[in-house]
Structures are given as structure tokens and as C-alpha cells.
Amino acid sequence: MSQSQSRSPISSQTGAPIALSARSPRVPVERLVAELVPPPRFDGVRFATYIPDPAQPSQREAVARLSAFAGQLGGAHASGRGRAGGLLPWRRPRRPAVADGPRGVYLDGGYGVGKTHLLASLWHAAPAPPALKAFGTFVELTHLVGALGFQQTVGALSGHQLLCIDEFELDDPGDTVLVSTLLTRLVEQGVALAATSNTLPGRLGEGRFAADDFLREIQGLAARFQTLRIDGEDYRHRGLPQAPSPHPEETVTRAAHTVPGAALDDFSALLEHLAQVHPSRYGALCDGLTAVCLTGVRPVPDQSTALRLVVLADRLYDREIPVLASGIPLDRLFGPEMLAGGYRKKYFRAISRLTALARDGAALTGRRR
């Protein structure tokens, strides 16, 4: 199944705006597996399209070392599944996925330095066909295990040449142990690994904070990884304001009725609806959308709601769906306690991504049918 097939719209818009809070998509397991590819935002990225910051030599070095890692990946071996054929019985690969050197690579750096761009470029550069390599976030991987079960997930991925994990989470011990165990089983089957995570903005000066945490959490796999440090500032904010000002509610509503394929939701109603939809289906919730218009944006009331919003923000960012909002600025969604707590890394990422989408959304106010 191709990316376009696996992400086909639920319906197209005619007339009134779509309401996300009225959607309750049902997603077959096969789609969850088939969508383990770089998101549409990164369809066209390659090592050649990554533009290193001249002031940060580690960025250019990372490109060279990742290119070399891609060149070490071995030939095809038995597939645990076919994209179009669903889940298949798995068997041990005939030869290791990496001919020489470490079995995994970890990209260590702050927000917006291009780690996901480089990880997706590695996926594209790997010599295996798309059905023999997978790309997903840490959260998507845990959702896959929840949908398939541990053993079937091992079976679905064990024939792959490469598994890329974006945004490896270090703040949930249970999920980290689960994924670490899964990766151990996959490495035993010859799968090469690549992962990214984020150093907190307040810890960027502390050297190898994220790398040390990552290597500790994956325990027995640590020796199999080479760490690539990528320094730099968030490219989404270079020379740009932190967050655009919110729009008047009538402007947001008018844009939702003007832009074909736009969704219009009251922010509080949307937050309530997200609690009724499993996060693994948030991608399907966004099918067919060209924009998300939100009225009455306010601070998120609690941590469970905030974590669901983080997942939705990731899916919107993956699909490059602009956001137009009234209420408070999007960089004030999460209160000081949340930004100082154990999930602060996720909240900073969501703010960064929603801010980028809000800049895109500002252009919607001038569009007409």
C-alpha cells in the first residue's frame, strides 16, 4: 500500500466546514502497519536537501556519517509483511542488515535542528524497498504494539532492513522498557535501528544529557549504537517571532467557511472529543483536511488532555495542515507546571510545531473559493 492509498480521505468537503469533534474513524490494523513510512511532510527530503547551518559543523558531519551508515545496510532479507498483503508469518533474516559497524545510530540534539529530516533521509537512502523498512514515532510504535500485541509486532517488523524511530520518549518507564525489549528482539533478527530524541531547551548546554539518557534506557542495546550530536537552534524560529497573535473569532470562522476542506471546532469541544478517540486514530481523524480552524483556544486544563493534544499536534504537523486559531496564543497552551514537569519535552515540541502551523495558517485569511 502506498502512502497516498493508506492516507486516503474519509470524505471530501462540500458546503459547511468539517468538524473534527464529529469524526470517529475506525482504522484497521493493516493501515497502522502500512503507515510506518515518513509522513507527507518528509516525502521529498533527502540528504542533499538538508541545509547545514554553516556555524554548526556537527550538522554537516551528521549528514556524512548517516550517508555512510546507509551505505553499510545490507541486502534485502525475508519480509515480516507485505504493504499490500497484510501481516505474514515471519522468519529469521538470512544475513545481518548492517554489514559492518554499529547496528544502530542515535541522533542527539535540540528542537528544530533537522533530526527528523535526517532520519527520513536515511530511510529514503536505505537500499531496501519500502516494504522492508519502517519509519514511525516512538508513540506510533507503542500504539502498534497495543493494536497488534508484542509477538505479532515482532513478527511484522523482524524481516525489515531498517527501523527508524523518531522522538524516542524517555519520560515513560513502562513504554521505554516495552520498546527497548522490542528493539532487542528486532536487532536479534538483523534489523538495523535509527532513532532521534530531544534535549530540553534548558539542558542544551549540558553536553550529552539526551544521549546518556537514551543509552541508559535502551540498556543492553547501548553498545550497538553510535551517537551523532547535532548542534544548532530551532530552524522554525530562526529570525521569526515565537508565536503569531491569535485571530478574531469571526476571522477564523469566515476562513473555515471559505477554505475548501477546512475543519472548524470549538477548542474545548475538540479536547473533549479527543478523549473518546484512541490516539492511534488521530491520523485518520485528519484525513482529507486542508486546514484546522479553532475558536476559543484556552490553556489545556490537565495533563491527560495535554498529552492527547500533543499527539494531535504531531499528526497535524506530519501532514502539514495549517492551524488558524482565536483565543490565547498557542505558546500559552501549557501552563508553567506542565512545562516544568516530566512531560515537558513533549509540550515544548508541540508548541514548536503548532507555532509553525499557525504561521502557515495566517495565509488562510486571504483565501477565497
Protein backbone atom coordinates (compact mmCIF):
# COMPACT_ATOMS: atom_id res chain seq x y z
CA MET A 1 0.00 0.00 0.00
CA SER A 2 1.34 3.38 -0.95
CA GLN A 3 1.38 6.42 1.30
CA SER A 4 -1.37 8.04 -0.72
CA GLN A 5 -3.51 4.90 -0.51
CA SER A 6 -3.03 4.46 3.22
CA ARG A 7 -3.91 8.06 3.91
CA SER A 8 -6.92 8.45 1.63
CA PRO A 9 -9.57 10.89 2.85
CA ILE A 10 -12.57 9.69 4.83
CA SER A 11 -14.69 12.14 2.88
CA SER A 12 -14.33 15.35 0.93
CA GLN A 13 -15.86 18.62 1.97
CA THR A 14 -18.82 20.16 0.24
CA GLY A 15 -20.53 23.11 1.85
CA ALA A 16 -20.15 23.58 5.61
CA PRO A 17 -16.79 23.07 7.35
CA ILE A 18 -15.83 19.68 8.72
CA ALA A 19 -15.98 19.23 12.50
CA LEU A 20 -13.21 17.09 13.93
CA SER A 21 -15.35 16.58 17.01
CA ALA A 22 -17.93 14.82 14.81
CA ARG A 23 -15.47 12.28 13.43
CA SER A 24 -14.92 8.82 14.93
CA PRO A 25 -12.74 6.95 12.42
CA ARG A 26 -12.20 3.20 12.56
CA VAL A 27 -8.70 2.20 11.48
CA PRO A 28 -7.82 -1.40 10.53
CA VAL A 29 -4.62 -2.84 11.92
CA GLU A 30 -3.23 -3.22 8.40
CA ARG A 31 -3.33 0.55 7.96
CA LEU A 32 -1.35 1.10 11.17
CA VAL A 33 1.41 -1.13 9.79
CA ALA A 34 1.26 0.29 6.26
CA GLU A 35 1.63 3.84 7.55
CA LEU A 36 5.05 3.20 9.06
CA VAL A 37 6.66 5.42 6.45
CA PRO A 38 7.93 9.01 6.63
CA PRO A 39 4.95 11.40 6.89
CA PRO A 40 3.96 13.51 3.87
CA ARG A 41 5.97 16.48 5.17
CA PHE A 42 9.11 14.39 4.63
CA ASP A 43 8.20 12.60 1.38
CA GLY A 44 10.72 14.59 -0.63
CA VAL A 45 13.56 15.07 1.85
CA ARG A 46 16.99 13.64 1.11
CA PHE A 47 20.49 14.17 2.48
CA ALA A 48 21.06 16.55 -0.44
CA THR A 49 18.11 18.74 0.61
CA TYR A 50 19.33 19.18 4.19
CA ILE A 51 20.97 22.60 4.50
CA PRO A 52 23.55 22.57 7.31
CA ASP A 53 23.99 25.72 9.34
CA PRO A 54 27.50 27.00 8.45
CA ALA A 55 28.00 27.90 12.11
CA GLN A 56 27.33 24.31 13.21
CA PRO A 57 29.89 21.85 11.73
CA SER A 58 28.22 18.95 13.55
CA GLN A 59 25.30 19.21 11.13
CA ARG A 60 27.49 18.62 8.08
CA GLU A 61 29.29 15.80 9.86
CA ALA A 62 25.98 14.13 10.71
CA VAL A 63 25.00 14.08 7.04
CA ALA A 64 28.29 12.40 6.10
CA ARG A 65 28.09 9.79 8.85
CA LEU A 66 24.45 8.94 8.18
CA SER A 67 25.19 8.57 4.47
CA ALA A 68 27.94 6.14 5.38
CA PHE A 69 25.56 4.24 7.68
CA ALA A 70 23.04 3.92 4.85
CA GLY A 71 25.80 2.53 2.65
CA GLN A 72 26.52 -0.17 5.24
CA LEU A 73 22.99 -1.53 5.17
CA GLY A 74 22.94 -4.98 3.68
CA GLY A 75 20.76 -6.53 1.04
CA ALA A 76 17.13 -7.49 1.34
CA HIS A 77 16.07 -10.29 3.62
CA ALA A 78 12.81 -12.00 4.45
CA SER A 79 9.93 -9.63 4.97
CA GLY A 80 7.67 -9.89 8.01
CA ARG A 81 4.83 -8.43 5.97
CA GLY A 82 3.87 -7.01 2.61
CA ARG A 83 2.45 -3.49 2.35
CA ALA A 84 -0.42 -4.67 0.20
CA GLY A 85 -0.70 -8.20 1.52
CA GLY A 86 -1.14 -7.59 5.23
CA LEU A 87 0.65 -9.45 8.02
CA LEU A 88 2.67 -12.51 7.09
CA PRO A 89 4.44 -15.20 9.13
CA TRP A 90 7.97 -14.05 9.93
CA ARG A 91 11.26 -15.85 9.75
CA ARG A 92 14.84 -15.09 10.69
CA PRO A 93 16.72 -12.91 8.20
CA ARG A 94 19.41 -14.68 6.22
CA ARG A 95 22.07 -12.06 6.98
CA PRO A 96 22.53 -9.01 9.16
CA ALA A 97 21.06 -5.73 7.95
CA VAL A 98 24.35 -3.92 8.63
CA ALA A 99 27.44 -5.39 7.06
CA ASP A 100 29.97 -3.78 9.41
CA GLY A 101 29.95 -1.34 12.30
CA PRO A 102 27.23 -0.45 14.83
CA ARG A 103 23.74 -1.84 14.36
CA GLY A 104 22.09 1.45 15.32
CA VAL A 105 22.53 5.21 15.18
CA TYR A 106 21.11 7.82 17.56
CA LEU A 107 20.71 11.49 16.59
CA ASP A 108 21.19 13.67 19.67
CA GLY A 109 20.18 17.32 19.55
CA GLY A 110 17.68 20.03 20.40
CA TYR A 111 14.48 21.14 18.75
CA GLY A 112 14.34 22.06 15.08
CA VAL A 113 17.93 21.17 14.10
CA GLY A 114 16.66 18.82 11.37
CA LYS A 115 16.89 15.44 13.10
CA THR A 116 13.63 14.19 11.58
CA HIS A 117 14.74 15.46 8.15
CA LEU A 118 17.94 13.43 8.51
CA LEU A 119 16.15 10.36 9.87
CA ALA A 120 13.70 10.41 6.95
CA SER A 121 16.62 10.90 4.56
CA LEU A 122 18.24 7.78 5.99
CA TRP A 123 15.00 5.87 5.40
CA HIS A 124 14.91 7.05 1.78
CA ALA A 125 18.62 6.25 1.28
CA ALA A 126 18.39 2.71 2.64
CA PRO A 127 18.68 0.33 -0.32
CA ALA A 128 15.74 -1.90 0.67
CA PRO A 129 12.29 -1.47 -0.93
CA PRO A 130 9.73 0.45 1.17
CA ALA A 131 8.08 -2.75 2.42
CA LEU A 132 11.37 -3.75 4.10
CA LYS A 133 11.94 -0.56 6.10
CA ALA A 134 9.76 1.26 8.62
CA PHE A 135 9.55 4.80 9.99
CA GLY A 136 7.46 5.96 12.92
CA THR A 137 7.47 7.93 16.13
CA PHE A 138 8.03 6.27 19.48
CA VAL A 139 4.35 6.85 20.28
CA GLU A 140 3.24 5.26 17.00
CA LEU A 141 5.39 2.24 17.80
CA THR A 142 3.78 1.81 21.22
CA HIS A 143 0.34 2.20 19.59
CA LEU A 144 1.27 -0.53 17.11
CA VAL A 145 2.21 -2.89 19.95
CA GLY A 146 -1.09 -2.05 21.63
CA ALA A 147 -3.02 -2.86 18.47
CA LEU A 148 -1.11 -5.99 17.39
CA GLY A 149 0.34 -7.35 20.60
CA PHE A 150 4.05 -7.74 21.27
CA GLN A 151 4.75 -11.00 19.44
CA GLN A 152 2.84 -10.03 16.31
CA THR A 153 4.64 -6.68 16.22
CA VAL A 154 7.97 -8.53 16.34
CA GLY A 155 6.72 -10.69 13.50
CA ALA A 156 5.54 -7.72 11.46
CA LEU A 157 8.88 -5.88 11.72
CA SER A 158 11.51 -8.60 12.06
CA GLY A 159 12.06 -9.01 8.33
CA HIS A 160 12.88 -5.34 7.85
CA GLN A 161 16.25 -3.95 6.91
CA LEU A 162 15.78 -0.73 8.90
CA LEU A 163 13.50 0.67 11.61
CA CYS A 164 13.61 4.46 12.17
CA ILE A 165 12.13 5.76 15.44
CA ASP A 166 11.51 9.48 15.70
CA GLU A 167 11.06 11.27 19.05
CA PHE A 168 12.20 8.42 21.29
CA GLU A 169 10.50 9.11 24.62
CA LEU A 170 12.46 8.95 27.86
CA ASP A 171 9.68 10.02 30.24
CA ASP A 172 7.53 6.87 30.49
CA PRO A 173 9.43 3.96 32.12
CA GLY A 174 6.85 1.35 31.14
CA ASP A 175 6.76 2.27 27.46
CA THR A 176 10.54 2.65 27.36
CA VAL A 177 11.08 -0.87 28.72
CA LEU A 178 8.50 -2.21 26.26
CA VAL A 179 10.15 -0.57 23.25
CA SER A 180 13.66 -1.45 24.45
CA THR A 181 12.61 -5.13 24.66
CA LEU A 182 11.05 -4.90 21.21
CA LEU A 183 14.20 -3.38 19.73
CA THR A 184 16.33 -6.09 21.32
CA ARG A 185 14.23 -8.75 19.63
CA LEU A 186 14.40 -6.94 16.29
CA VAL A 187 18.19 -6.50 16.45
CA GLU A 188 18.47 -10.24 17.10
CA GLN A 189 16.62 -10.70 13.80
CA GLY A 190 19.08 -8.48 11.94
CA VAL A 191 17.12 -5.22 11.83
CA ALA A 192 19.18 -2.01 11.80
CA LEU A 193 17.91 0.81 14.03
CA ALA A 194 17.98 4.60 13.94
CA ALA A 195 16.42 6.93 16.49
CA THR A 196 16.09 10.56 17.50
CA SER A 197 15.15 12.27 20.73
CA ASN A 198 15.21 15.82 22.04
CA THR A 199 17.37 17.61 24.55
CA LEU A 200 15.27 20.01 26.60
CA PRO A 201 15.83 23.68 25.75
CA GLY A 202 17.10 24.33 29.27
CA ARG A 203 19.62 21.49 29.08
CA LEU A 204 21.29 22.23 25.75
CA GLY A 205 24.48 23.37 27.46
CA GLU A 206 24.89 20.16 29.41
CA GLY A 207 26.62 18.13 26.75
CA ARG A 208 25.39 14.61 26.31
CA PHE A 209 22.30 14.74 28.54
CA ALA A 210 19.89 13.24 25.99
CA ALA A 211 22.41 10.74 24.64
CA ASP A 212 23.25 9.43 28.12
CA ASP A 213 19.58 9.06 28.98
CA PHE A 214 18.82 7.30 25.72
CA LEU A 215 21.69 4.84 26.01
CA ARG A 216 20.79 4.08 29.61
CA GLU A 217 17.14 3.43 28.80
CA ILE A 218 17.86 1.02 25.95
CA GLN A 219 20.18 -0.86 28.31
CA GLY A 220 21.62 -3.89 26.53
CA LEU A 221 21.38 -2.24 23.13
CA ALA A 222 23.53 0.75 24.05
CA ALA A 223 26.77 -0.72 22.76
CA ARG A 224 25.19 -1.25 19.35
CA PHE A 225 24.51 2.46 18.80
CA GLN A 226 26.75 5.23 17.56
CA THR A 227 25.71 8.69 18.76
CA LEU A 228 25.69 11.66 16.39
CA ARG A 229 25.44 15.04 18.12
CA ILE A 230 23.66 17.73 16.06
CA ASP A 231 24.03 21.25 17.42
CA GLY A 232 22.06 24.31 16.41
CA GLU A 233 18.97 26.39 17.08
CA ASP A 234 15.37 25.60 16.14
CA TYR A 235 15.20 26.39 12.42
CA ARG A 236 11.46 27.08 12.75
CA HIS A 237 12.25 30.07 14.95
CA ARG A 238 15.37 31.49 13.29
CA GLY A 239 14.65 35.17 12.96
CA LEU A 240 10.90 34.65 13.46
CA PRO A 241 8.55 35.54 16.35
CA GLN A 242 7.80 32.82 18.89
CA ALA A 243 4.08 32.61 18.08
CA PRO A 244 1.75 34.66 15.89
CA SER A 245 -1.05 36.57 17.57
CA PRO A 246 -4.42 34.80 17.67
CA HIS A 247 -7.07 35.94 15.20
CA PRO A 248 -10.54 37.31 15.96
CA GLU A 249 -13.13 34.55 16.19
CA GLU A 250 -15.07 35.90 13.21
CA THR A 251 -11.91 35.75 11.07
CA VAL A 252 -11.36 32.11 12.00
CA THR A 253 -14.97 31.20 11.34
CA ARG A 254 -15.02 33.02 8.00
CA ALA A 255 -11.85 31.25 6.88
CA ALA A 256 -13.33 27.86 7.80
CA HIS A 257 -16.32 28.56 5.56
CA THR A 258 -14.12 29.92 2.79
CA VAL A 259 -11.34 27.34 2.53
CA PRO A 260 -12.42 24.01 0.97
CA GLY A 261 -11.57 21.08 3.20
CA ALA A 262 -11.18 23.16 6.37
CA ALA A 263 -12.33 21.95 9.79
CA LEU A 264 -13.95 24.25 12.34
CA ASP A 265 -14.10 23.30 16.00
CA ASP A 266 -14.61 24.89 19.36
CA PHE A 267 -11.37 24.15 21.19
CA SER A 268 -13.00 22.86 24.37
CA ALA A 269 -15.34 20.58 22.42
CA LEU A 270 -12.41 19.20 20.45
CA LEU A 271 -10.45 18.43 23.62
CA GLU A 272 -13.45 16.54 24.99
CA HIS A 273 -13.80 14.57 21.76
CA LEU A 274 -10.12 13.56 21.72
CA ALA A 275 -10.74 11.68 24.95
CA GLN A 276 -13.19 9.45 23.06
CA VAL A 277 -10.83 8.60 20.18
CA HIS A 278 -7.78 6.36 20.61
CA PRO A 279 -4.60 8.30 19.75
CA SER A 280 -3.68 5.67 17.15
CA ARG A 281 -6.64 7.02 15.14
CA TYR A 282 -5.70 10.70 15.28
CA GLY A 283 -4.03 10.41 11.89
CA ALA A 284 -7.29 9.15 10.37
CA LEU A 285 -9.08 11.97 12.18
CA CYS A 286 -7.11 14.37 9.98
CA ASP A 287 -7.83 12.61 6.67
CA GLY A 288 -8.78 14.98 3.88
CA LEU A 289 -8.24 18.18 5.86
CA THR A 290 -6.65 21.25 4.31
CA ALA A 291 -6.76 23.38 7.48
CA VAL A 292 -7.83 23.28 11.12
CA CYS A 293 -9.68 26.33 12.45
CA LEU A 294 -10.11 26.55 16.22
CA THR A 295 -12.17 29.02 18.21
CA GLY A 296 -11.82 29.78 21.90
CA VAL A 297 -8.33 28.35 22.40
CA ARG A 298 -7.52 28.35 26.11
CA PRO A 299 -4.94 26.75 28.40
CA VAL A 300 -5.19 22.96 28.48
CA PRO A 301 -6.84 22.00 31.79
CA ASP A 302 -4.98 18.83 32.76
CA GLN A 303 -2.11 16.58 31.81
CA SER A 304 -4.14 13.75 30.22
CA THR A 305 -5.81 16.25 27.91
CA ALA A 306 -2.46 17.89 27.18
CA LEU A 307 -0.85 14.60 26.14
CA ARG A 308 -3.71 13.87 23.74
CA LEU A 309 -3.30 17.33 22.23
CA VAL A 310 0.42 16.65 21.74
CA VAL A 311 -0.41 13.59 19.62
CA LEU A 312 -2.88 15.57 17.52
CA ALA A 313 -0.30 18.33 17.04
CA ASP A 314 2.19 15.74 15.78
CA ARG A 315 -0.31 14.34 13.27
CA LEU A 316 -1.20 17.83 12.01
CA TYR A 317 2.47 18.73 11.67
CA ASP A 318 3.25 15.48 9.83
CA ARG A 319 0.55 16.29 7.31
CA GLU A 320 1.42 20.00 7.03
CA ILE A 321 -2.12 21.07 7.94
CA PRO A 322 -2.24 24.81 8.77
CA VAL A 323 -3.86 25.96 12.01
CA LEU A 324 -5.86 29.16 12.40
CA ALA A 325 -6.99 29.96 15.94
CA SER A 326 -8.71 32.51 18.14
CA GLY A 327 -8.25 32.79 21.89
CA ILE A 328 -4.83 32.67 23.52
CA PRO A 329 -1.52 32.39 21.62
CA LEU A 330 -0.57 28.76 21.01
CA ASP A 331 2.63 29.07 23.01
CA ARG A 332 0.48 29.56 26.14
CA LEU A 333 -1.42 26.27 25.82
CA PHE A 334 0.55 24.53 28.56
CA GLY A 335 0.88 26.11 31.97
CA PRO A 336 4.13 26.62 33.93
CA GLU A 337 3.64 23.44 35.97
CA MET A 338 3.31 21.34 32.81
CA LEU A 339 6.34 22.95 31.21
CA ALA A 340 8.37 22.18 34.32
CA GLY A 341 7.09 18.62 34.74
CA GLY A 342 8.05 15.19 33.48
CA TYR A 343 6.35 15.56 30.09
CA ARG A 344 7.77 18.99 29.33
CA LYS A 345 9.73 17.68 26.36
CA LYS A 346 6.51 16.72 24.61
CA TYR A 347 4.92 20.08 25.38
CA PHE A 348 7.86 22.07 24.03
CA ARG A 349 7.75 20.00 20.83
CA ALA A 350 4.02 20.61 20.46
CA ILE A 351 4.47 24.36 20.94
CA SER A 352 7.23 24.44 18.33
CA ARG A 353 5.14 22.54 15.81
CA LEU A 354 1.86 24.34 16.42
CA THR A 355 3.64 27.67 16.14
CA ALA A 356 4.97 26.66 12.71
CA LEU A 357 1.48 25.56 11.62
CA ALA A 358 -0.04 28.79 12.93
CA ARG A 359 2.33 30.80 10.74
CA ASP A 360 1.10 28.76 7.78
CA GLY A 361 -2.49 29.32 8.90
CA ALA A 362 -2.16 33.11 8.74
CA ALA A 363 -2.26 32.86 4.93
CA LEU A 364 -5.75 31.35 5.06
CA THR A 365 -7.34 34.66 5.98
CA GLY A 366 -6.87 35.93 2.43
CA ARG A 367 -8.07 32.85 0.54
CA ARG A 368 -11.37 32.57 -1.30
CA ARG A 369 -13.22 29.72 -3.01
